[in-house]
């Protein structure tokens, strides 16, 4: 099987978790290769997500590494049964940058979602008009067809919140983001109206971090925290002007859980947040 040139974030995470298990057991890649009757290079490729691994091999390695965390091993094995072309975002492979597909995949498999935004609305909660305004402001300018496909992909991401058993979502949005008039007044009003609608959904909580807040300082970067089937597989996505990256090391996860907890505690409660959103919408 040829090595993958561009493993998905989820494939890379599976490999990284296997490496963590091996290192925790004090085993070398050569020793793991000996168990599987393969070579050390293939273990390295496996742990980088560049080649696939079967459920049977994961369970053999887990036994060899003396890992008795059955829930973690089951979660890792579940990933091995996923394949390219199985999910809707695979339609955009070769069309959009891999990072966009990785975000959709992360949201789809999440057991819970937490997000914090300071300037723009969370991507999963954007209206079509709002998303089009965001992409139309790209520098350098995107061709119209590129804008169309990015907007379409973003709209399809919302399906995760509309399925029969959606993951709970907590969105902390700074008041600054609510007052931005991206796309003009009508687009902004429609976006706020949709946000109010979504805030009433049973699995969605929208909290506003107001300008008057004096207790929370760090609100400079968009954060998406996706809960995994087990805590070890939680993942953080950080966006910036140059793209975005994924974090999965325990110390990083703890840092962003604390950050999000502080942001939520400093925010208005759900009812107060709806009142402020409604007030801002009326001002437009």
Protein backbone atom coordinates (compact mmCIF):
# COMPACT_ATOMS: atom_id res chain seq x y z
CA UNK A 1 0.00 0.00 0.00
CA UNK A 2 1.58 3.33 -1.04
CA UNK A 3 2.04 5.95 1.65
CA UNK A 4 -0.46 8.81 1.75
CA UNK A 5 0.99 12.17 0.78
CA UNK A 6 -1.68 14.10 2.68
CA UNK A 7 -3.26 12.16 5.55
CA UNK A 8 -6.35 13.75 7.04
CA UNK A 9 -6.14 15.26 10.51
CA UNK A 10 -8.12 12.28 11.80
CA UNK A 11 -5.76 9.77 10.20
CA UNK A 12 -2.79 11.65 11.60
CA UNK A 13 -4.42 11.68 15.04
CA UNK A 14 -4.90 7.90 14.98
CA UNK A 15 -1.22 7.46 14.21
CA UNK A 16 -0.20 9.94 16.90
CA UNK A 17 -2.24 8.08 19.52
CA UNK A 18 -0.55 4.80 18.56
CA UNK A 19 2.81 6.50 18.97
CA UNK A 20 1.77 7.78 22.42
CA UNK A 21 0.80 4.25 23.47
CA UNK A 22 4.12 2.85 22.25
CA UNK A 23 6.19 5.51 23.97
CA UNK A 24 4.22 5.15 27.21
CA UNK A 25 5.04 1.44 27.15
CA UNK A 26 8.75 2.16 26.60
CA UNK A 27 8.79 0.26 23.31
CA UNK A 28 10.80 1.24 20.25
CA UNK A 29 9.47 1.41 16.71
CA UNK A 30 11.77 -1.50 15.88
CA UNK A 31 10.19 -3.61 18.61
CA UNK A 32 6.69 -2.76 17.35
CA UNK A 33 7.77 -3.66 13.83
CA UNK A 34 9.05 -7.01 15.09
CA UNK A 35 5.68 -7.81 16.65
CA UNK A 36 3.87 -7.10 13.35
CA UNK A 37 6.54 -8.76 11.20
CA UNK A 38 7.11 -5.55 9.28
CA UNK A 39 9.87 -2.96 9.11
CA UNK A 40 10.54 0.10 11.24
CA UNK A 41 9.79 2.49 8.38
CA UNK A 42 6.21 1.18 8.14
CA UNK A 43 5.70 1.75 11.86
CA UNK A 44 6.88 5.34 11.39
CA UNK A 45 4.50 5.78 8.44
CA UNK A 46 1.67 4.25 10.48
CA UNK A 47 2.30 6.59 13.40
CA UNK A 48 2.34 9.58 11.05
CA UNK A 49 -0.97 8.56 9.45
CA UNK A 50 0.69 8.00 6.10
CA UNK A 51 -0.44 4.37 5.87
CA UNK A 52 -3.53 2.68 7.22
CA UNK A 53 -3.70 0.22 10.08
CA UNK A 54 -6.25 -2.51 10.69
CA UNK A 55 -8.32 -3.05 13.81
CA UNK A 56 -6.59 -6.38 14.34
CA UNK A 57 -3.17 -4.72 14.37
CA UNK A 58 -4.29 -2.00 16.76
CA UNK A 59 -5.57 -4.60 19.22
CA UNK A 60 -2.33 -6.61 18.93
CA UNK A 61 -0.28 -3.48 19.55
CA UNK A 62 -2.48 -2.45 22.49
CA UNK A 63 -1.89 -5.83 24.14
CA UNK A 64 1.85 -5.55 23.47
CA UNK A 65 1.86 -2.05 24.97
CA UNK A 66 -0.07 -3.28 28.05
CA UNK A 67 -2.84 -0.76 27.38
CA UNK A 68 -5.98 -1.76 29.29
CA UNK A 69 -8.06 1.30 28.32
CA UNK A 70 -10.75 -0.58 26.41
CA UNK A 71 -12.77 2.55 25.57
CA UNK A 72 -9.75 4.25 23.98
CA UNK A 73 -8.81 1.18 21.98
CA UNK A 74 -12.39 0.73 20.76
CA UNK A 75 -12.46 4.39 19.68
CA UNK A 76 -9.19 4.01 17.78
CA UNK A 77 -10.41 0.83 16.13
CA UNK A 78 -13.60 2.58 14.99
CA UNK A 79 -11.49 5.01 12.97
CA UNK A 80 -9.94 2.13 11.01
CA UNK A 81 -13.34 1.32 9.48
CA UNK A 82 -13.72 4.77 7.92
CA UNK A 83 -12.71 5.11 4.31
CA UNK A 84 -12.31 7.82 1.72
CA UNK A 85 -15.54 8.53 -0.15
CA UNK A 86 -17.72 7.52 2.79
CA UNK A 87 -18.68 11.04 3.92
CA UNK A 88 -20.12 14.12 2.24
CA UNK A 89 -16.98 16.25 2.53
CA UNK A 90 -15.09 13.77 0.37
CA UNK A 91 -16.93 15.31 -2.58
CA UNK A 92 -14.74 18.40 -2.07
CA UNK A 93 -11.43 16.54 -2.03
CA UNK A 94 -9.22 18.07 -4.69
CA UNK A 95 -11.52 21.11 -4.79
CA UNK A 96 -11.01 22.69 -1.36
CA UNK A 97 -7.92 22.79 0.83
CA UNK A 98 -7.57 19.73 3.10
CA UNK A 99 -8.00 21.88 6.22
CA UNK A 100 -11.59 22.70 5.28
CA UNK A 101 -12.39 19.01 4.96
CA UNK A 102 -10.68 18.25 8.26
CA UNK A 103 -12.91 20.77 10.08
CA UNK A 104 -16.06 19.19 8.63
CA UNK A 105 -14.78 15.75 9.64
CA UNK A 106 -13.95 16.97 13.15
CA UNK A 107 -17.43 18.42 13.66
CA UNK A 108 -19.14 15.32 12.23
CA UNK A 109 -17.46 12.92 14.66
CA UNK A 110 -17.55 15.20 17.72
CA UNK A 111 -19.56 14.15 20.76
CA UNK A 112 -19.67 17.81 21.87
CA UNK A 113 -18.61 21.17 20.45
CA UNK A 114 -17.43 24.36 22.13
CA UNK A 115 -16.41 27.44 20.20
CA UNK A 116 -15.21 30.96 20.97
CA UNK A 117 -15.25 33.76 18.38
CA UNK A 118 -14.23 37.38 18.76
CA UNK A 119 -14.74 38.97 15.33
CA UNK A 120 -16.82 36.62 13.15
CA UNK A 121 -19.63 34.16 13.72
CA UNK A 122 -18.72 30.48 14.21
CA UNK A 123 -18.53 28.87 10.77
CA UNK A 124 -21.10 26.23 11.67
CA UNK A 125 -23.61 28.96 12.61
CA UNK A 126 -23.17 31.24 9.59
CA UNK A 127 -25.92 32.01 7.11
CA UNK A 128 -25.28 31.73 3.40
CA UNK A 129 -25.25 35.51 2.93
CA UNK A 130 -22.84 36.01 5.83
CA UNK A 131 -20.47 33.27 4.64
CA UNK A 132 -20.53 34.71 1.11
CA UNK A 133 -19.61 38.14 2.48
CA UNK A 134 -16.69 36.63 4.41
CA UNK A 135 -15.32 34.76 1.40
CA UNK A 136 -15.93 37.68 -0.94
CA UNK A 137 -13.61 39.76 1.22
CA UNK A 138 -10.73 37.34 0.78
CA UNK A 139 -7.34 38.85 -0.15
CA UNK A 140 -6.42 38.23 -2.90
CA UNK A 141 -9.95 38.06 -4.30
CA UNK A 142 -11.32 34.58 -4.96
CA UNK A 143 -12.89 33.67 -8.31
CA UNK A 144 -16.72 33.56 -8.10
CA UNK A 145 -16.74 29.78 -8.57
CA UNK A 146 -14.33 29.38 -5.64
CA UNK A 147 -16.53 31.54 -3.43
CA UNK A 148 -19.56 29.46 -4.42
CA UNK A 149 -17.98 26.13 -3.52
CA UNK A 150 -16.64 27.42 -0.20
CA UNK A 151 -20.04 28.79 0.76
CA UNK A 152 -21.72 25.53 -0.26
CA UNK A 153 -19.30 23.51 1.86
CA UNK A 154 -19.82 25.79 4.86
CA UNK A 155 -23.60 25.48 4.60
CA UNK A 156 -23.37 21.71 4.50
CA UNK A 157 -21.38 21.74 7.74
CA UNK A 158 -24.55 22.93 9.53
CA UNK A 159 -26.13 19.51 9.00
CA UNK A 160 -24.33 18.21 12.10
CA UNK A 161 -26.63 20.39 14.24
CA UNK A 162 -29.76 19.37 12.35
CA UNK A 163 -29.49 15.60 12.63
CA UNK A 164 -31.61 13.52 15.00
CA UNK A 165 -28.96 13.38 17.75
CA UNK A 166 -26.76 16.48 17.33
CA UNK A 167 -23.76 17.03 19.58
CA UNK A 168 -24.32 19.71 22.23
CA UNK A 169 -22.84 23.03 21.11
CA UNK A 170 -21.79 25.93 23.34
CA UNK A 171 -20.81 29.05 21.40
CA UNK A 172 -19.24 32.02 23.16
CA UNK A 173 -19.37 35.00 20.80
CA UNK A 174 -17.91 38.41 21.57
CA UNK A 175 -20.25 41.37 21.21
CA UNK A 176 -17.83 42.76 18.61
CA UNK A 177 -18.69 39.89 16.27
CA UNK A 178 -22.39 40.61 16.67
CA UNK A 179 -21.95 44.23 15.68
CA UNK A 180 -19.84 43.61 12.58
CA UNK A 181 -21.90 44.41 9.47
CA UNK A 182 -20.25 42.01 7.08
CA UNK A 183 -22.26 42.03 3.86
CA UNK A 184 -24.32 45.06 4.90
CA UNK A 185 -27.28 45.63 7.21
CA UNK A 186 -29.66 43.09 5.69
CA UNK A 187 -27.07 40.31 5.73
CA UNK A 188 -26.11 41.17 9.31
CA UNK A 189 -29.76 41.23 10.43
CA UNK A 190 -30.44 37.87 8.81
CA UNK A 191 -27.37 36.43 10.53
CA UNK A 192 -28.50 37.66 13.94
CA UNK A 193 -32.01 36.36 13.33
CA UNK A 194 -30.59 32.92 12.51
CA UNK A 195 -28.38 33.05 15.61
CA UNK A 196 -31.43 33.81 17.76
CA UNK A 197 -33.28 30.91 16.17
CA UNK A 198 -30.41 28.49 16.75
CA UNK A 199 -30.02 29.66 20.35
CA UNK A 200 -33.48 28.20 21.06
CA UNK A 201 -32.51 24.72 19.88
CA UNK A 202 -32.30 22.25 22.79
CA UNK A 203 -28.70 21.19 22.12
CA UNK A 204 -27.31 24.66 21.40
CA UNK A 205 -26.24 27.34 23.87
CA UNK A 206 -25.20 30.79 22.67
CA UNK A 207 -23.49 33.07 25.16
CA UNK A 208 -22.34 36.64 24.47
CA UNK A 209 -19.15 38.11 25.88
CA UNK A 210 -20.16 41.78 26.22
CA UNK A 211 -18.01 44.86 25.75
CA UNK A 212 -18.60 45.62 29.44
CA UNK A 213 -16.83 42.43 30.56
CA UNK A 214 -13.82 43.20 32.76
CA UNK A 215 -12.87 39.67 33.79
CA UNK A 216 -11.89 37.99 30.53
CA UNK A 217 -9.02 39.26 28.40
CA UNK A 218 -8.04 36.58 25.86
CA UNK A 219 -10.48 36.69 22.95
CA UNK A 220 -8.13 37.10 20.01
CA UNK A 221 -8.28 33.79 18.16
CA UNK A 222 -11.15 31.58 17.04
CA UNK A 223 -11.19 28.33 19.01
CA UNK A 224 -13.13 25.14 18.27
CA UNK A 225 -13.00 22.40 20.90
CA UNK A 226 -14.42 19.06 19.77
CA UNK A 227 -15.09 16.36 22.32
CA UNK A 228 -14.10 12.86 21.30
CA UNK A 229 -15.71 9.52 22.21
CA UNK A 230 -13.10 9.41 25.00
CA UNK A 231 -11.34 12.38 26.58
CA UNK A 232 -7.97 11.39 25.10
CA UNK A 233 -9.37 12.02 21.62
CA UNK A 234 -10.61 15.56 22.28
CA UNK A 235 -9.29 17.96 19.65
CA UNK A 236 -8.78 21.73 19.43
CA UNK A 237 -8.82 23.63 16.15
CA UNK A 238 -7.18 27.07 16.16
CA UNK A 239 -7.71 29.43 13.22
CA UNK A 240 -5.45 32.29 12.22
CA UNK A 241 -4.72 34.49 9.21
CA UNK A 242 -2.46 31.82 7.71
CA UNK A 243 -4.92 28.95 8.05
CA UNK A 244 -5.39 26.72 11.06
CA UNK A 245 -3.98 23.80 12.99
CA UNK A 246 -5.15 21.00 15.26
CA UNK A 247 -4.03 20.29 18.82
CA UNK A 248 -4.42 17.04 20.71
CA UNK A 249 -1.75 16.95 23.42
CA UNK A 250 -3.26 16.73 26.90
CA UNK A 251 -1.60 19.88 28.26
CA UNK A 252 -2.95 21.86 25.28
CA UNK A 253 -6.44 20.42 25.69
CA UNK A 254 -6.43 21.35 29.37
CA UNK A 255 -5.32 24.90 28.54
CA UNK A 256 -8.18 25.46 26.10
CA UNK A 257 -10.78 23.82 28.34
CA UNK A 258 -9.75 26.30 31.03
CA UNK A 259 -9.85 29.17 28.53
CA UNK A 260 -13.33 28.25 27.33
CA UNK A 261 -14.57 27.79 30.90
CA UNK A 262 -13.35 31.26 31.79
CA UNK A 263 -14.96 32.75 28.68
CA UNK A 264 -18.29 31.08 29.46
CA UNK A 265 -18.20 32.20 33.09
CA UNK A 266 -17.49 35.79 32.04
CA UNK A 267 -20.28 35.79 29.45
CA UNK A 268 -23.94 36.64 29.80
CA UNK A 269 -26.25 33.72 30.44
CA UNK A 270 -28.34 32.30 27.61
CA UNK A 271 -31.40 34.51 28.20
CA UNK A 272 -29.37 37.69 28.65
CA UNK A 273 -27.40 36.82 25.53
CA UNK A 274 -30.59 36.46 23.47
CA UNK A 275 -31.78 39.81 24.75
CA UNK A 276 -28.55 41.51 23.71
CA UNK A 277 -28.56 39.86 20.27
CA UNK A 278 -32.16 40.99 19.78
CA UNK A 279 -31.24 44.53 20.88
CA UNK A 280 -28.33 44.70 18.44
CA UNK A 281 -30.50 43.39 15.61
CA UNK A 282 -33.09 46.09 16.28
CA UNK A 283 -30.37 48.75 16.08
CA UNK A 284 -29.42 47.71 12.55
